[in-house]
Amino acid sequence: MLPYRALGKTKHQATIFGLGGEGILRTTGYFKEAEAVIKKAVEVGVNYFDTAPAYQQSRDYLGAYLWKFAKREQIFLASKTHDRGYEGTMLLLEDSLRRLKTNYLDLLQLHDLRTKEDIDEIFSSNGAIYALEDAKKQGKARFIGITGHHDPKILIEAIRRYSFDTVLLCVNAGDSHYMPFISSVIPEARKKGMGVIAMKVTAQRNALSSITMKEAFYYALSQDVDLAIIGCKTPPEVQENANLAKNFNQLSKEELIQIENKTKDFVTETNFFKKGMY
């Protein structure tokens, strides 16, 4: 059985390994391969699944196969909206529910916040935040959150403006070397009781040129996070991550520093998605 942690104020007992929307899910036309990965994730006990309208046919794959292998109430399903306005967000939500073949999302997140303009638009009179609130009132989204990997200051500003349920942010062994999210955003989120979800654990496998998958995963899980989502290309990758999760032990401060030091010469590779890196 996979270990669980409470996902902040949602109280959902999330498996510490969640299936991310990258990997085989962020493709088009690979239904057979996606089915195999989704099936394996359910078999090993994963109960948190991530997707987004921006992730190619990810929603179609999950809608086609997730309920074939799991009951709706067993799964915590998270999706996103990249639209900053009310109407656009509502349209994306309805499209997601249709593709995912479900009546509700467990978590609807404002996707990839990057600039102050994003935040100002979201909180404007016809902003996306009101769509998220209405979705919650209508029972189409149980919880609402934010995501970002561009600039930690933007996530902090969003957190200060609104009491979101969760934050999805980058957590990897190279984070401390450039514009860190771990030391800046997570403490602000925890002050408000927010659930914290780790992504970019391997920086799309770029970190694996300097550290092992075990080091990357355990480094993330040893931070103040509730779970880590990882995109997988094959069933063996799902199984590997599940095995690591089952055997996870909190790393000591010394072990964390050792892993960080291994990524010192790979700052760009582990932080390529942050402001100023591209």
C-alpha atoms as a PDB file:
ATOM      1  CA  MET A   1       0.000   0.000   0.000  1.00  0.00           C
ATOM      2  CA  LEU A   2       1.219   3.496  -0.818  1.00  0.00           C
ATOM      3  CA  PRO A   3       1.730   5.872   2.112  1.00  0.00           C
ATOM      4  CA  TYR A   4      -0.796   8.700   2.553  1.00  0.00           C
ATOM      5  CA  ARG A   5      -0.618  12.294   3.722  1.00  0.00           C
ATOM      6  CA  ALA A   6      -3.461  14.732   4.369  1.00  0.00           C
ATOM      7  CA  LEU A   7      -3.716  17.261   1.532  1.00  0.00           C
ATOM      8  CA  GLY A   8      -3.853  20.429   3.612  1.00  0.00           C
ATOM      9  CA  LYS A   9      -7.283  21.790   4.495  1.00  0.00           C
ATOM     10  CA  THR A  10      -8.967  19.461   1.973  1.00  0.00           C
ATOM     11  CA  LYS A  11      -8.309  16.615   4.439  1.00  0.00           C
ATOM     12  CA  HIS A  12      -8.065  14.214   1.497  1.00  0.00           C
ATOM     13  CA  GLN A  13      -5.692  11.377   2.305  1.00  0.00           C
ATOM     14  CA  ALA A  14      -3.510  11.562  -0.799  1.00  0.00           C
ATOM     15  CA  THR A  15      -1.027   8.933  -1.849  1.00  0.00           C
ATOM     16  CA  ILE A  16       2.422  10.542  -1.688  1.00  0.00           C
ATOM     17  CA  PHE A  17       2.941   9.539  -5.318  1.00  0.00           C
ATOM     18  CA  GLY A  18       0.376  11.042  -7.679  1.00  0.00           C
ATOM     19  CA  LEU A  19       0.215  10.485 -11.434  1.00  0.00           C
ATOM     20  CA  GLY A  20       1.202  13.698 -13.183  1.00  0.00           C
ATOM     21  CA  GLY A  21      -0.195  14.988 -16.449  1.00  0.00           C
ATOM     22  CA  GLU A  22       3.157  14.787 -18.220  1.00  0.00           C
ATOM     23  CA  GLY A  23       4.712  11.596 -19.600  1.00  0.00           C
ATOM     24  CA  ILE A  24       2.504   9.513 -21.871  1.00  0.00           C
ATOM     25  CA  LEU A  25      -0.570  11.517 -20.841  1.00  0.00           C
ATOM     26  CA  ARG A  26       0.760  14.664 -22.488  1.00  0.00           C
ATOM     27  CA  THR A  27       0.556  13.220 -25.985  1.00  0.00           C
ATOM     28  CA  THR A  28      -1.980  12.856 -28.768  1.00  0.00           C
ATOM     29  CA  GLY A  29      -3.150   9.542 -30.198  1.00  0.00           C
ATOM     30  CA  TYR A  30      -1.434   7.170 -27.755  1.00  0.00           C
ATOM     31  CA  PHE A  31      -4.573   5.709 -26.204  1.00  0.00           C
ATOM     32  CA  LYS A  32      -3.288   2.150 -25.794  1.00  0.00           C
ATOM     33  CA  GLU A  33      -0.097   3.292 -24.070  1.00  0.00           C
ATOM     34  CA  ALA A  34      -1.975   5.754 -21.872  1.00  0.00           C
ATOM     35  CA  GLU A  35      -4.425   3.044 -20.836  1.00  0.00           C
ATOM     36  CA  ALA A  36      -1.578   0.833 -19.660  1.00  0.00           C
ATOM     37  CA  VAL A  37      -0.091   3.619 -17.524  1.00  0.00           C
ATOM     38  CA  ILE A  38      -3.456   4.594 -16.007  1.00  0.00           C
ATOM     39  CA  LYS A  39      -4.253   0.948 -15.264  1.00  0.00           C
ATOM     40  CA  LYS A  40      -0.914   0.407 -13.542  1.00  0.00           C
ATOM     41  CA  ALA A  41      -1.330   3.589 -11.483  1.00  0.00           C
ATOM     42  CA  VAL A  42      -4.688   2.381 -10.180  1.00  0.00           C
ATOM     43  CA  GLU A  43      -3.293  -1.118  -9.547  1.00  0.00           C
ATOM     44  CA  VAL A  44      -0.440   0.178  -7.383  1.00  0.00           C
ATOM     45  CA  GLY A  45      -2.872   2.317  -5.393  1.00  0.00           C
ATOM     46  CA  VAL A  46      -2.377   5.861  -6.709  1.00  0.00           C
ATOM     47  CA  ASN A  47      -5.421   7.954  -5.763  1.00  0.00           C
ATOM     48  CA  TYR A  48      -4.357  11.403  -7.049  1.00  0.00           C
ATOM     49  CA  PHE A  49      -4.471  12.105 -10.793  1.00  0.00           C
ATOM     50  CA  ASP A  50      -3.444  15.363 -12.447  1.00  0.00           C
ATOM     51  CA  THR A  51      -4.451  16.791 -15.811  1.00  0.00           C
ATOM     52  CA  ALA A  52      -5.039  20.094 -17.623  1.00  0.00           C
ATOM     53  CA  PRO A  53      -6.597  21.394 -20.847  1.00  0.00           C
ATOM     54  CA  ALA A  54      -3.064  22.311 -21.960  1.00  0.00           C
ATOM     55  CA  TYR A  55      -1.869  18.699 -21.748  1.00  0.00           C
ATOM     56  CA  GLN A  56      -2.857  17.517 -25.213  1.00  0.00           C
ATOM     57  CA  GLN A  57      -5.162  14.447 -24.898  1.00  0.00           C
ATOM     58  CA  SER A  58      -4.535  13.840 -21.216  1.00  0.00           C
ATOM     59  CA  ARG A  59      -8.167  14.481 -20.279  1.00  0.00           C
ATOM     60  CA  ASP A  60      -9.409  12.200 -23.044  1.00  0.00           C
ATOM     61  CA  TYR A  61      -7.171   9.366 -21.865  1.00  0.00           C
ATOM     62  CA  LEU A  62      -8.292   9.694 -18.253  1.00  0.00           C
ATOM     63  CA  GLY A  63     -11.941   9.936 -19.245  1.00  0.00           C
ATOM     64  CA  ALA A  64     -11.648   6.843 -21.407  1.00  0.00           C
ATOM     65  CA  TYR A  65      -9.825   4.617 -18.921  1.00  0.00           C
ATOM     66  CA  LEU A  66      -9.698   5.886 -15.331  1.00  0.00           C
ATOM     67  CA  TRP A  67     -13.266   4.837 -14.507  1.00  0.00           C
ATOM     68  CA  LYS A  68     -12.658   1.496 -16.187  1.00  0.00           C
ATOM     69  CA  PHE A  69     -10.233   0.619 -13.402  1.00  0.00           C
ATOM     70  CA  ALA A  70     -11.349   2.780 -10.461  1.00  0.00           C
ATOM     71  CA  LYS A  71     -14.528   4.029  -8.835  1.00  0.00           C
ATOM     72  CA  ARG A  72     -15.058   7.791  -8.885  1.00  0.00           C
ATOM     73  CA  GLU A  73     -15.101   8.124  -5.102  1.00  0.00           C
ATOM     74  CA  GLN A  74     -11.684   6.428  -4.861  1.00  0.00           C
ATOM     75  CA  ILE A  75      -9.962   9.073  -6.968  1.00  0.00           C
ATOM     76  CA  PHE A  76      -8.942  12.670  -6.302  1.00  0.00           C
ATOM     77  CA  LEU A  77      -9.004  14.238  -9.767  1.00  0.00           C
ATOM     78  CA  ALA A  78      -7.277  17.569 -10.329  1.00  0.00           C
ATOM     79  CA  SER A  79      -7.490  19.723 -13.427  1.00  0.00           C
ATOM     80  CA  LYS A  80      -6.774  23.337 -14.305  1.00  0.00           C
ATOM     81  CA  THR A  81      -7.774  26.450 -16.228  1.00  0.00           C
ATOM     82  CA  HIS A  82      -5.274  28.597 -18.089  1.00  0.00           C
ATOM     83  CA  ASP A  83      -7.965  31.164 -18.908  1.00  0.00           C
ATOM     84  CA  ARG A  84      -7.864  34.232 -16.653  1.00  0.00           C
ATOM     85  CA  GLY A  85     -11.490  35.285 -17.222  1.00  0.00           C
ATOM     86  CA  TYR A  86     -14.855  34.057 -15.951  1.00  0.00           C
ATOM     87  CA  GLU A  87     -16.485  32.882 -19.181  1.00  0.00           C
ATOM     88  CA  GLY A  88     -13.374  31.226 -20.600  1.00  0.00           C
ATOM     89  CA  THR A  89     -12.789  29.354 -17.358  1.00  0.00           C
ATOM     90  CA  MET A  90     -16.368  28.119 -17.228  1.00  0.00           C
ATOM     91  CA  LEU A  91     -16.098  26.874 -20.810  1.00  0.00           C
ATOM     92  CA  LEU A  92     -12.847  25.052 -20.016  1.00  0.00           C
ATOM     93  CA  LEU A  93     -14.427  23.506 -16.928  1.00  0.00           C
ATOM     94  CA  GLU A  94     -17.419  22.167 -18.853  1.00  0.00           C
ATOM     95  CA  ASP A  95     -15.115  20.809 -21.563  1.00  0.00           C
ATOM     96  CA  SER A  96     -12.953  19.120 -18.937  1.00  0.00           C
ATOM     97  CA  LEU A  97     -15.927  17.494 -17.225  1.00  0.00           C
ATOM     98  CA  ARG A  98     -17.153  16.189 -20.582  1.00  0.00           C
ATOM     99  CA  ARG A  99     -13.762  14.808 -21.597  1.00  0.00           C
ATOM    100  CA  LEU A 100     -13.056  13.361 -18.179  1.00  0.00           C
ATOM    101  CA  LYS A 101     -16.523  11.787 -18.035  1.00  0.00           C
ATOM    102  CA  THR A 102     -17.275  13.042 -14.545  1.00  0.00           C
ATOM    103  CA  ASN A 103     -19.752  15.426 -12.930  1.00  0.00           C
ATOM    104  CA  TYR A 104     -17.152  17.166 -10.772  1.00  0.00           C
ATOM    105  CA  LEU A 105     -13.470  17.808 -10.226  1.00  0.00           C
ATOM    106  CA  ASP A 106     -11.954  17.339  -6.815  1.00  0.00           C
ATOM    107  CA  LEU A 107      -9.600  20.223  -7.505  1.00  0.00           C
ATOM    108  CA  LEU A 108      -9.780  23.042 -10.056  1.00  0.00           C
ATOM    109  CA  GLN A 109      -6.598  25.093 -10.259  1.00  0.00           C
ATOM    110  CA  LEU A 110      -5.577  28.402 -11.836  1.00  0.00           C
ATOM    111  CA  HIS A 111      -2.843  27.138 -14.131  1.00  0.00           C
ATOM    112  CA  ASP A 112       0.702  28.483 -14.448  1.00  0.00           C
ATOM    113  CA  LEU A 113       0.522  31.905 -12.809  1.00  0.00           C
ATOM    114  CA  ARG A 114       3.454  33.941 -14.141  1.00  0.00           C
ATOM    115  CA  THR A 115       2.902  37.676 -13.864  1.00  0.00           C
ATOM    116  CA  LYS A 116       1.217  40.324 -11.754  1.00  0.00           C
ATOM    117  CA  GLU A 117      -1.022  40.929 -14.775  1.00  0.00           C
ATOM    118  CA  ASP A 118      -2.212  37.324 -14.477  1.00  0.00           C
ATOM    119  CA  ILE A 119      -3.221  37.918 -10.881  1.00  0.00           C
ATOM    120  CA  ASP A 120      -4.845  41.278 -11.565  1.00  0.00           C
ATOM    121  CA  GLU A 121      -6.934  39.738 -14.348  1.00  0.00           C
ATOM    122  CA  ILE A 122      -7.940  36.733 -12.253  1.00  0.00           C
ATOM    123  CA  PHE A 123      -9.179  39.008  -9.468  1.00  0.00           C
ATOM    124  CA  SER A 124     -10.801  41.595 -11.771  1.00  0.00           C
ATOM    125  CA  SER A 125     -14.587  42.054 -11.863  1.00  0.00           C
ATOM    126  CA  ASN A 126     -14.980  39.341 -14.521  1.00  0.00           C
ATOM    127  CA  GLY A 127     -12.031  37.280 -13.392  1.00  0.00           C
ATOM    128  CA  ALA A 128     -11.487  33.548 -13.195  1.00  0.00           C
ATOM    129  CA  ILE A 129     -11.598  33.500  -9.403  1.00  0.00           C
ATOM    130  CA  TYR A 130     -15.361  34.020  -9.539  1.00  0.00           C
ATOM    131  CA  ALA A 131     -15.703  31.120 -11.943  1.00  0.00           C
ATOM    132  CA  LEU A 132     -13.833  28.910  -9.489  1.00  0.00           C
ATOM    133  CA  GLU A 133     -16.051  30.066  -6.651  1.00  0.00           C
ATOM    134  CA  ASP A 134     -19.199  29.420  -8.704  1.00  0.00           C
ATOM    135  CA  ALA A 135     -17.905  26.004  -9.739  1.00  0.00           C
ATOM    136  CA  LYS A 136     -17.486  25.194  -6.066  1.00  0.00           C
ATOM    137  CA  LYS A 137     -21.008  26.428  -5.228  1.00  0.00           C
ATOM    138  CA  GLN A 138     -22.445  24.373  -8.101  1.00  0.00           C
ATOM    139  CA  GLY A 139     -20.685  21.215  -6.953  1.00  0.00           C
ATOM    140  CA  LYS A 140     -18.516  21.047 -10.078  1.00  0.00           C
ATOM    141  CA  ALA A 141     -15.280  21.578  -8.148  1.00  0.00           C
ATOM    142  CA  ARG A 142     -14.799  20.554  -4.539  1.00  0.00           C
ATOM    143  CA  PHE A 143     -11.652  22.609  -3.965  1.00  0.00           C
ATOM    144  CA  ILE A 144      -9.735  25.375  -5.729  1.00  0.00           C
ATOM    145  CA  GLY A 145      -6.022  26.000  -6.053  1.00  0.00           C
ATOM    146  CA  ILE A 146      -3.162  27.639  -7.914  1.00  0.00           C
ATOM    147  CA  THR A 147      -0.131  26.373  -9.795  1.00  0.00           C
ATOM    148  CA  GLY A 148       3.125  27.938 -10.903  1.00  0.00           C
ATOM    149  CA  HIS A 149       6.787  27.345 -11.637  1.00  0.00           C
ATOM    150  CA  HIS A 150       7.808  30.686 -13.177  1.00  0.00           C
ATOM    151  CA  ASP A 151       8.269  33.166 -10.339  1.00  0.00           C
ATOM    152  CA  PRO A 152       7.817  32.420  -6.609  1.00  0.00           C
ATOM    153  CA  LYS A 153       6.834  36.035  -5.899  1.00  0.00           C
ATOM    154  CA  ILE A 154       3.730  35.642  -8.073  1.00  0.00           C
ATOM    155  CA  LEU A 155       2.490  32.607  -6.162  1.00  0.00           C
ATOM    156  CA  ILE A 156       3.150  34.369  -2.872  1.00  0.00           C
ATOM    157  CA  GLU A 157       1.116  37.372  -4.024  1.00  0.00           C
ATOM    158  CA  ALA A 158      -1.774  35.100  -5.051  1.00  0.00           C
ATOM    159  CA  ILE A 159      -1.658  33.336  -1.687  1.00  0.00           C
ATOM    160  CA  ARG A 160      -1.747  36.658   0.140  1.00  0.00           C
ATOM    161  CA  ARG A 161      -4.799  37.779  -1.848  1.00  0.00           C
ATOM    162  CA  TYR A 162      -6.922  34.658  -1.438  1.00  0.00           C
ATOM    163  CA  SER A 163      -7.330  31.609   0.766  1.00  0.00           C
ATOM    164  CA  PHE A 164      -6.867  28.842  -1.793  1.00  0.00           C
ATOM    165  CA  ASP A 165      -7.101  25.192  -0.821  1.00  0.00           C
ATOM    166  CA  THR A 166      -3.892  24.030  -2.521  1.00  0.00           C
ATOM    167  CA  VAL A 167      -0.772  25.110  -4.352  1.00  0.00           C
ATOM    168  CA  LEU A 168       1.096  23.060  -6.968  1.00  0.00           C
ATOM    169  CA  LEU A 169       4.703  24.214  -7.300  1.00  0.00           C
ATOM    170  CA  CYS A 170       8.159  23.057  -8.363  1.00  0.00           C
ATOM    171  CA  VAL A 171      10.086  21.080  -5.759  1.00  0.00           C
ATOM    172  CA  ASN A 172      13.378  19.582  -6.844  1.00  0.00           C
ATOM    173  CA  ALA A 173      16.978  19.231  -5.702  1.00  0.00           C
ATOM    174  CA  GLY A 174      18.144  22.185  -7.805  1.00  0.00           C
ATOM    175  CA  ASP A 175      15.483  24.610  -6.559  1.00  0.00           C
ATOM    176  CA  SER A 176      17.666  26.233  -3.899  1.00  0.00           C
ATOM    177  CA  HIS A 177      20.253  27.363  -6.456  1.00  0.00           C
ATOM    178  CA  TYR A 178      17.970  29.769  -8.333  1.00  0.00           C
ATOM    179  CA  MET A 179      14.741  31.605  -7.419  1.00  0.00           C
ATOM    180  CA  PRO A 180      13.723  29.015  -4.807  1.00  0.00           C
ATOM    181  CA  PHE A 181      10.097  28.051  -4.363  1.00  0.00           C
ATOM    182  CA  ILE A 182      10.580  25.594  -1.502  1.00  0.00           C
ATOM    183  CA  SER A 183      11.904  28.089   1.045  1.00  0.00           C
ATOM    184  CA  SER A 184       9.672  30.990  -0.028  1.00  0.00           C
ATOM    185  CA  VAL A 185       6.264  29.776  -1.219  1.00  0.00           C
ATOM    186  CA  ILE A 186       5.655  26.706   0.935  1.00  0.00           C
ATOM    187  CA  PRO A 187       5.859  28.546   4.292  1.00  0.00           C
ATOM    188  CA  GLU A 188       3.328  31.144   3.046  1.00  0.00           C
ATOM    189  CA  ALA A 189       1.001  28.395   1.848  1.00  0.00           C
ATOM    190  CA  ARG A 190       1.210  26.538   5.139  1.00  0.00           C
ATOM    191  CA  LYS A 191       0.299  29.668   7.090  1.00  0.00           C
ATOM    192  CA  LYS A 192      -3.098  29.419   5.388  1.00  0.00           C
ATOM    193  CA  GLY A 193      -3.433  25.672   5.795  1.00  0.00           C
ATOM    194  CA  MET A 194      -3.044  25.044   2.083  1.00  0.00           C
ATOM    195  CA  GLY A 195      -2.223  21.633   0.686  1.00  0.00           C
ATOM    196  CA  VAL A 196       1.180  21.556  -1.038  1.00  0.00           C
ATOM    197  CA  ILE A 197       1.727  19.449  -4.150  1.00  0.00           C
ATOM    198  CA  ALA A 198       5.212  19.003  -5.605  1.00  0.00           C
ATOM    199  CA  MET A 199       5.904  18.987  -9.344  1.00  0.00           C
ATOM    200  CA  LYS A 200       9.028  19.219 -11.553  1.00  0.00           C
ATOM    201  CA  VAL A 201      10.567  16.637  -9.219  1.00  0.00           C
ATOM    202  CA  THR A 202      13.040  15.556 -11.906  1.00  0.00           C
ATOM    203  CA  ALA A 203      12.767  18.755 -14.002  1.00  0.00           C
ATOM    204  CA  GLN A 204      11.436  16.610 -16.866  1.00  0.00           C
ATOM    205  CA  ARG A 205      14.214  14.088 -16.156  1.00  0.00           C
ATOM    206  CA  ASN A 206      16.949  16.718 -16.555  1.00  0.00           C
ATOM    207  CA  ALA A 207      17.901  16.296 -12.904  1.00  0.00           C
ATOM    208  CA  LEU A 208      18.618  12.618 -13.492  1.00  0.00           C
ATOM    209  CA  SER A 209      21.912  13.495 -15.157  1.00  0.00           C
ATOM    210  CA  SER A 210      23.240  14.442 -11.709  1.00  0.00           C
ATOM    211  CA  ILE A 211      21.123  12.447  -9.227  1.00  0.00           C
ATOM    212  CA  THR A 212      19.136   9.213  -9.180  1.00  0.00           C
ATOM    213  CA  MET A 213      15.349   8.915  -9.392  1.00  0.00           C
ATOM    214  CA  LYS A 214      15.352   7.806  -5.759  1.00  0.00           C
ATOM    215  CA  GLU A 215      17.310  10.881  -4.693  1.00  0.00           C
ATOM    216  CA  ALA A 216      15.062  13.186  -6.737  1.00  0.00           C
ATOM    217  CA  PHE A 217      11.833  11.680  -5.378  1.00  0.00           C
ATOM    218  CA  TYR A 218      12.986  11.415  -1.774  1.00  0.00           C
ATOM    219  CA  TYR A 219      14.356  14.951  -1.833  1.00  0.00           C
ATOM    220  CA  ALA A 220      10.913  16.244  -2.838  1.00  0.00           C
ATOM    221  CA  LEU A 221       9.016  14.082  -0.348  1.00  0.00           C
ATOM    222  CA  SER A 222      11.356  15.200   2.454  1.00  0.00           C
ATOM    223  CA  GLN A 223      10.211  18.799   2.028  1.00  0.00           C
ATOM    224  CA  ASP A 224       7.016  20.156   3.608  1.00  0.00           C
ATOM    225  CA  VAL A 225       4.769  18.738   0.886  1.00  0.00           C
ATOM    226  CA  ASP A 226       1.747  16.467   0.934  1.00  0.00           C
ATOM    227  CA  LEU A 227       2.534  14.551  -2.242  1.00  0.00           C
ATOM    228  CA  ALA A 228       4.551  14.668  -5.439  1.00  0.00           C
ATOM    229  CA  ILE A 229       3.086  14.203  -8.900  1.00  0.00           C
ATOM    230  CA  ILE A 230       5.261  12.512 -11.499  1.00  0.00           C
ATOM    231  CA  GLY A 231       4.499  11.990 -15.157  1.00  0.00           C
ATOM    232  CA  CYS A 232       5.200   8.465 -16.384  1.00  0.00           C
ATOM    233  CA  LYS A 233       5.726   7.116 -19.891  1.00  0.00           C
ATOM    234  CA  THR A 234       5.385   3.397 -19.166  1.00  0.00           C
ATOM    235  CA  PRO A 235       3.894   1.008 -16.575  1.00  0.00           C
ATOM    236  CA  PRO A 236       7.407   0.098 -15.306  1.00  0.00           C
ATOM    237  CA  GLU A 237       7.994   3.776 -14.508  1.00  0.00           C
ATOM    238  CA  VAL A 238       4.758   3.823 -12.503  1.00  0.00           C
ATOM    239  CA  GLN A 239       5.844   0.692 -10.661  1.00  0.00           C
ATOM    240  CA  GLU A 240       9.301   2.126  -9.934  1.00  0.00           C
ATOM    241  CA  ASN A 241       7.813   5.278  -8.423  1.00  0.00           C
ATOM    242  CA  ALA A 242       5.293   3.259  -6.419  1.00  0.00           C
ATOM    243  CA  ASN A 243       8.085   1.086  -5.018  1.00  0.00           C
ATOM    244  CA  LEU A 244      10.074   4.158  -4.050  1.00  0.00           C
ATOM    245  CA  ALA A 245       7.030   5.689  -2.376  1.00  0.00           C
ATOM    246  CA  LYS A 246       6.364   2.508  -0.389  1.00  0.00           C
ATOM    247  CA  ASN A 247       9.922   2.485   0.931  1.00  0.00           C
ATOM    248  CA  PHE A 248      10.260   6.212   1.550  1.00  0.00           C
ATOM    249  CA  ASN A 249      12.129   7.389   4.624  1.00  0.00           C
ATOM    250  CA  GLN A 250      12.567  11.053   5.495  1.00  0.00           C
ATOM    251  CA  LEU A 251      16.020  12.261   4.497  1.00  0.00           C
ATOM    252  CA  SER A 252      18.207  13.969   7.072  1.00  0.00           C
ATOM    253  CA  LYS A 253      19.335  17.574   6.679  1.00  0.00           C
ATOM    254  CA  GLU A 254      22.798  16.312   5.785  1.00  0.00           C
ATOM    255  CA  GLU A 255      21.436  13.980   3.111  1.00  0.00           C
ATOM    256  CA  LEU A 256      19.369  16.783   1.596  1.00  0.00           C
ATOM    257  CA  ILE A 257      22.429  19.032   1.390  1.00  0.00           C
ATOM    258  CA  GLN A 258      24.448  16.259  -0.248  1.00  0.00           C
ATOM    259  CA  ILE A 259      21.793  15.851  -2.943  1.00  0.00           C
ATOM    260  CA  GLU A 260      21.567  19.616  -3.469  1.00  0.00           C
ATOM    261  CA  ASN A 261      25.338  19.775  -3.892  1.00  0.00           C
ATOM    262  CA  LYS A 262      25.184  17.189  -6.675  1.00  0.00           C
ATOM    263  CA  THR A 263      22.987  19.549  -8.704  1.00  0.00           C
ATOM    264  CA  LYS A 264      25.174  22.662  -8.274  1.00  0.00           C
ATOM    265  CA  ASP A 265      26.631  22.325 -11.762  1.00  0.00           C
ATOM    266  CA  PHE A 266      23.177  21.686 -13.245  1.00  0.00           C
ATOM    267  CA  VAL A 267      21.353  24.879 -12.262  1.00  0.00           C
ATOM    268  CA  THR A 268      19.954  25.545 -15.737  1.00  0.00           C
ATOM    269  CA  GLU A 269      18.887  21.934 -16.245  1.00  0.00           C
ATOM    270  CA  THR A 270      16.949  21.797 -12.958  1.00  0.00           C
ATOM    271  CA  ASN A 271      15.460  25.304 -13.197  1.00  0.00           C
ATOM    272  CA  PHE A 272      14.952  25.790 -16.954  1.00  0.00           C
ATOM    273  CA  PHE A 273      11.239  26.572 -16.475  1.00  0.00           C
ATOM    274  CA  LYS A 274      11.777  29.586 -14.182  1.00  0.00           C
ATOM    275  CA  LYS A 275      11.763  33.289 -14.985  1.00  0.00           C
ATOM    276  CA  GLY A 276      15.020  34.420 -16.595  1.00  0.00           C
ATOM    277  CA  MET A 277      16.015  30.916 -17.673  1.00  0.00           C
ATOM    278  CA  TYR A 278      14.329  30.971 -21.085  1.00  0.00           C
END
